[in-house]
Protein backbone atom coordinates (compact mmCIF):
# COMPACT_ATOMS: atom_id res chain seq x y z
CA MET A 1 10.87 -6.68 9.58
CA ALA A 2 10.68 -3.42 11.51
CA LEU A 3 10.97 0.09 10.12
CA MET A 4 11.13 3.27 12.20
CA THR A 5 9.98 6.48 10.53
CA GLN A 6 9.91 9.57 12.74
CA ASP A 7 7.52 8.62 15.57
CA VAL A 8 5.85 5.73 13.74
CA LYS A 9 7.12 2.15 13.84
CA PHE A 10 6.07 -0.50 11.32
CA THR A 11 6.47 -4.19 12.14
CA ILE A 12 5.61 -6.86 9.59
CA THR A 13 5.64 -10.52 10.63
CA PRO A 14 4.22 -13.71 9.18
CA GLN A 15 1.75 -15.53 11.43
CA SER A 16 0.96 -19.18 10.86
CA GLY A 17 -1.81 -21.42 12.07
CA GLY A 18 -5.02 -20.30 13.64
CA GLU A 19 -8.56 -20.66 12.36
CA GLU A 20 -8.03 -18.33 9.42
CA GLY A 21 -4.80 -19.97 8.26
CA ASP A 22 -1.60 -18.10 7.50
CA CYS A 23 -1.64 -14.32 7.67
CA ILE A 24 0.74 -11.41 7.48
CA GLN A 25 0.53 -9.23 10.55
CA VAL A 26 1.23 -5.53 9.97
CA GLN A 27 1.58 -3.58 13.20
CA ILE A 28 1.74 0.22 13.11
CA SER A 29 2.74 1.85 16.38
CA GLY A 30 2.72 5.57 17.09
CA GLU A 31 0.14 7.86 18.60
CA GLN A 32 -2.35 5.09 17.88
CA ASN A 33 -1.61 1.39 17.49
CA VAL A 34 -3.07 -0.54 14.57
CA VAL A 35 -2.71 -4.23 13.78
CA LEU A 36 -3.75 -5.62 10.40
CA CYS A 37 -3.94 -9.36 9.74
CA LEU A 38 -3.86 -9.84 5.99
CA THR A 39 -3.99 -12.93 3.87
CA PRO A 40 -0.90 -13.39 1.69
CA GLN A 41 -2.97 -12.24 -1.31
CA GLN A 42 -4.14 -9.10 0.52
CA ALA A 43 -0.59 -8.35 1.70
CA ARG A 44 0.74 -8.78 -1.85
CA ALA A 45 -1.97 -6.49 -3.27
CA MET A 46 -1.28 -3.88 -0.58
CA ALA A 47 2.47 -4.02 -1.24
CA SER A 48 1.91 -3.71 -4.98
CA ASP A 49 -0.44 -0.73 -4.54
CA LEU A 50 2.03 0.92 -2.18
CA ILE A 51 4.92 0.48 -4.62
CA GLN A 52 2.86 1.83 -7.53
CA THR A 53 1.68 4.82 -5.50
CA VAL A 54 5.21 5.67 -4.36
CA TYR A 55 6.47 5.34 -7.96
CA ARG A 56 3.77 7.71 -9.23
CA ALA A 57 4.59 10.23 -6.50
CA GLU A 58 8.32 10.05 -7.32
CA VAL A 59 7.67 10.51 -11.05
CA LYS A 60 5.35 13.46 -10.37
CA ASN A 61 7.94 15.05 -8.07
CA SER A 62 10.70 14.47 -10.61
CA LEU A 63 8.64 16.03 -13.41
CA GLN A 64 7.80 19.06 -11.28
CA THR A 65 11.46 19.50 -10.32
CA SER A 66 12.64 19.24 -13.92
CA GLN A 67 9.95 21.71 -15.04
CA ARG A 68 11.10 24.20 -12.39
CA LYS A 69 14.71 23.80 -13.52
CA SER A 70 13.67 24.17 -17.16
CA ILE A 71 11.73 27.35 -16.43
CA GLY A 72 14.69 28.72 -14.47
CA ALA A 73 17.08 27.94 -17.33
CA LYS A 74 14.78 29.59 -19.87
CA THR A 75 14.57 32.70 -17.70
CA ASP A 76 18.37 32.84 -17.40
CA THR A 77 18.93 32.53 -21.17
CA ALA A 78 16.19 35.06 -21.93
CA THR A 79 17.83 37.66 -19.70
CA ASP A 80 21.21 36.95 -21.31
CA HIS A 81 19.86 38.20 -24.65
CA TYR A 82 18.92 41.59 -23.24
CA SER A 83 21.43 44.06 -21.92
CA MET A 84 21.42 47.66 -20.81
CA HIS A 85 24.28 48.32 -23.24
CA SER A 86 23.84 48.67 -26.95
CA PRO A 87 25.69 45.91 -28.86
CA HIS A 88 27.29 48.66 -31.03
CA ALA A 89 28.60 50.71 -28.13
CA ALA A 90 32.34 50.64 -27.76
């Protein structure tokens, strides 16, 4: 599986055999190249941590966005209650 994000490319491939047994090879290419060889358990833990971290970031972003919209809506309704004209003026 390969994913290209801006100038960074991620390639994830299963590797079998070898002295250490099966591993998941994660290759990150960009300005610097990095290769990680993870056991299936390490790869699963990393994937789980990544998913949880992304979820937390999305929830935080969503809450901040909704708070900004809420503050904007409150400001709009507050200014609607005040007018330069007297309500009794005809």
